[in-house]
Amino acid sequence: MNPFQNRALSLSGPATDIIPVVPSDATDLTLVAPALYVTTGGLVSIVTVAGVARQVLVADFSILPVGVRRVNATGTTASGIHALVLA
């Protein structure tokens, strides 16, 4: 049984996929991410879904619950970044 089969996608529900992120100063994520998961902490330089550039310091194994359209290479020291997406 697939519990997601007849479920509508929702920002309040779980992500339906997790995609590894390669930080880039020029390329947006293929899907806007409602959140990021970071395995090794540090600075994460992002462009939010609102189009605002931000830098956030996160700890190891953090979830950053903000809409993200891009993770910039410049300024990002964190690694193991994954986009939690609704697909």
C-alpha atoms as a PDB file:
ATOM      1  CA  MET A   1       0.000   0.000   0.000  1.00  0.00           C
ATOM      2  CA  ASN A   2       1.231   3.491  -0.890  1.00  0.00           C
ATOM      3  CA  PRO A   3      -0.025   6.081   1.642  1.00  0.00           C
ATOM      4  CA  PHE A   4       0.892   8.909  -0.762  1.00  0.00           C
ATOM      5  CA  GLN A   5      -1.096   7.541  -3.720  1.00  0.00           C
ATOM      6  CA  ASN A   6      -4.263   9.586  -3.206  1.00  0.00           C
ATOM      7  CA  ARG A   7      -2.817  12.342  -1.049  1.00  0.00           C
ATOM      8  CA  ALA A   8      -2.665  15.947  -2.271  1.00  0.00           C
ATOM      9  CA  LEU A   9       0.750  17.606  -2.024  1.00  0.00           C
ATOM     10  CA  SER A  10       0.898  19.962   0.935  1.00  0.00           C
ATOM     11  CA  LEU A  11       3.449  22.273   2.517  1.00  0.00           C
ATOM     12  CA  SER A  12       2.238  21.065   5.907  1.00  0.00           C
ATOM     13  CA  GLY A  13       2.833  17.414   5.054  1.00  0.00           C
ATOM     14  CA  PRO A  14       6.010  15.447   4.485  1.00  0.00           C
ATOM     15  CA  ALA A  15       8.216  15.996   1.459  1.00  0.00           C
ATOM     16  CA  THR A  16       7.766  13.448  -1.303  1.00  0.00           C
ATOM     17  CA  ASP A  17      11.435  13.350  -2.331  1.00  0.00           C
ATOM     18  CA  ILE A  18      14.896  14.427  -1.213  1.00  0.00           C
ATOM     19  CA  ILE A  19      17.363  15.667  -3.828  1.00  0.00           C
ATOM     20  CA  PRO A  20      21.123  16.220  -3.346  1.00  0.00           C
ATOM     21  CA  VAL A  21      22.068  19.869  -3.897  1.00  0.00           C
ATOM     22  CA  VAL A  22      25.151  21.061  -5.766  1.00  0.00           C
ATOM     23  CA  PRO A  23      25.563  24.708  -4.732  1.00  0.00           C
ATOM     24  CA  SER A  24      25.737  27.096  -7.701  1.00  0.00           C
ATOM     25  CA  ASP A  25      25.894  30.861  -8.029  1.00  0.00           C
ATOM     26  CA  ALA A  26      24.047  30.745 -11.365  1.00  0.00           C
ATOM     27  CA  THR A  27      21.634  27.802 -11.399  1.00  0.00           C
ATOM     28  CA  ASP A  28      18.400  27.514  -9.437  1.00  0.00           C
ATOM     29  CA  LEU A  29      17.256  24.188  -7.982  1.00  0.00           C
ATOM     30  CA  THR A  30      15.188  22.117 -10.410  1.00  0.00           C
ATOM     31  CA  LEU A  31      12.293  22.329  -7.924  1.00  0.00           C
ATOM     32  CA  VAL A  32      11.741  25.020  -5.283  1.00  0.00           C
ATOM     33  CA  ALA A  33      12.425  23.352  -1.940  1.00  0.00           C
ATOM     34  CA  PRO A  34      10.112  23.993   1.030  1.00  0.00           C
ATOM     35  CA  ALA A  35      13.079  23.022   3.237  1.00  0.00           C
ATOM     36  CA  LEU A  36      16.726  21.964   3.190  1.00  0.00           C
ATOM     37  CA  TYR A  37      18.402  19.176   5.133  1.00  0.00           C
ATOM     38  CA  VAL A  38      22.109  19.728   5.929  1.00  0.00           C
ATOM     39  CA  THR A  39      24.325  16.893   7.175  1.00  0.00           C
ATOM     40  CA  THR A  40      27.497  18.900   7.909  1.00  0.00           C
ATOM     41  CA  GLY A  41      26.889  22.296   9.442  1.00  0.00           C
ATOM     42  CA  GLY A  42      28.279  25.664   8.431  1.00  0.00           C
ATOM     43  CA  LEU A  43      27.032  28.641   6.476  1.00  0.00           C
ATOM     44  CA  VAL A  44      24.353  28.101   3.860  1.00  0.00           C
ATOM     45  CA  SER A  45      24.020  30.907   1.317  1.00  0.00           C
ATOM     46  CA  ILE A  46      20.567  30.788  -0.266  1.00  0.00           C
ATOM     47  CA  VAL A  47      18.117  32.673  -2.432  1.00  0.00           C
ATOM     48  CA  THR A  48      14.677  32.299  -0.891  1.00  0.00           C
ATOM     49  CA  VAL A  49      11.493  31.643  -2.808  1.00  0.00           C
ATOM     50  CA  ALA A  50      10.813  35.378  -2.263  1.00  0.00           C
ATOM     51  CA  GLY A  51      14.020  36.180  -4.191  1.00  0.00           C
ATOM     52  CA  VAL A  52      15.994  37.404  -1.186  1.00  0.00           C
ATOM     53  CA  ALA A  53      19.646  36.414  -0.636  1.00  0.00           C
ATOM     54  CA  ARG A  54      20.327  35.133   2.889  1.00  0.00           C
ATOM     55  CA  GLN A  55      23.152  33.438   4.774  1.00  0.00           C
ATOM     56  CA  VAL A  56      22.239  31.107   7.624  1.00  0.00           C
ATOM     57  CA  LEU A  57      24.541  29.292  10.034  1.00  0.00           C
ATOM     58  CA  VAL A  58      23.265  25.760  10.666  1.00  0.00           C
ATOM     59  CA  ALA A  59      24.443  22.873  12.836  1.00  0.00           C
ATOM     60  CA  ASP A  60      25.101  19.300  11.706  1.00  0.00           C
ATOM     61  CA  PHE A  61      21.944  17.381  10.741  1.00  0.00           C
ATOM     62  CA  SER A  62      19.784  20.517  10.511  1.00  0.00           C
ATOM     63  CA  ILE A  63      16.518  21.105   8.740  1.00  0.00           C
ATOM     64  CA  LEU A  64      16.133  24.655   7.431  1.00  0.00           C
ATOM     65  CA  PRO A  65      12.368  25.186   6.979  1.00  0.00           C
ATOM     66  CA  VAL A  66      12.342  28.010   4.431  1.00  0.00           C
ATOM     67  CA  GLY A  67      11.403  28.044   0.745  1.00  0.00           C
ATOM     68  CA  VAL A  68      14.633  27.941  -1.281  1.00  0.00           C
ATOM     69  CA  ARG A  69      15.112  28.464  -4.993  1.00  0.00           C
ATOM     70  CA  ARG A  70      18.948  28.428  -5.030  1.00  0.00           C
ATOM     71  CA  VAL A  71      21.852  27.394  -2.828  1.00  0.00           C
ATOM     72  CA  ASN A  72      24.820  29.578  -3.740  1.00  0.00           C
ATOM     73  CA  ALA A  73      28.340  28.159  -3.938  1.00  0.00           C
ATOM     74  CA  THR A  74      29.856  31.456  -2.798  1.00  0.00           C
ATOM     75  CA  GLY A  75      29.427  31.761   0.952  1.00  0.00           C
ATOM     76  CA  THR A  76      28.279  28.172   1.524  1.00  0.00           C
ATOM     77  CA  THR A  77      30.571  26.200   3.824  1.00  0.00           C
ATOM     78  CA  ALA A  78      28.035  23.578   4.913  1.00  0.00           C
ATOM     79  CA  SER A  79      27.979  20.295   2.989  1.00  0.00           C
ATOM     80  CA  GLY A  80      25.751  17.321   2.456  1.00  0.00           C
ATOM     81  CA  ILE A  81      22.874  19.618   1.510  1.00  0.00           C
ATOM     82  CA  HIS A  82      19.622  18.067   0.300  1.00  0.00           C
ATOM     83  CA  ALA A  83      16.431  19.731  -0.940  1.00  0.00           C
ATOM     84  CA  LEU A  84      13.220  18.367   0.562  1.00  0.00           C
ATOM     85  CA  VAL A  85      10.717  18.720  -2.273  1.00  0.00           C
ATOM     86  CA  LEU A  86       7.127  18.109  -3.275  1.00  0.00           C
ATOM     87  CA  ALA A  87       7.117  16.332  -6.613  1.00  0.00           C
END
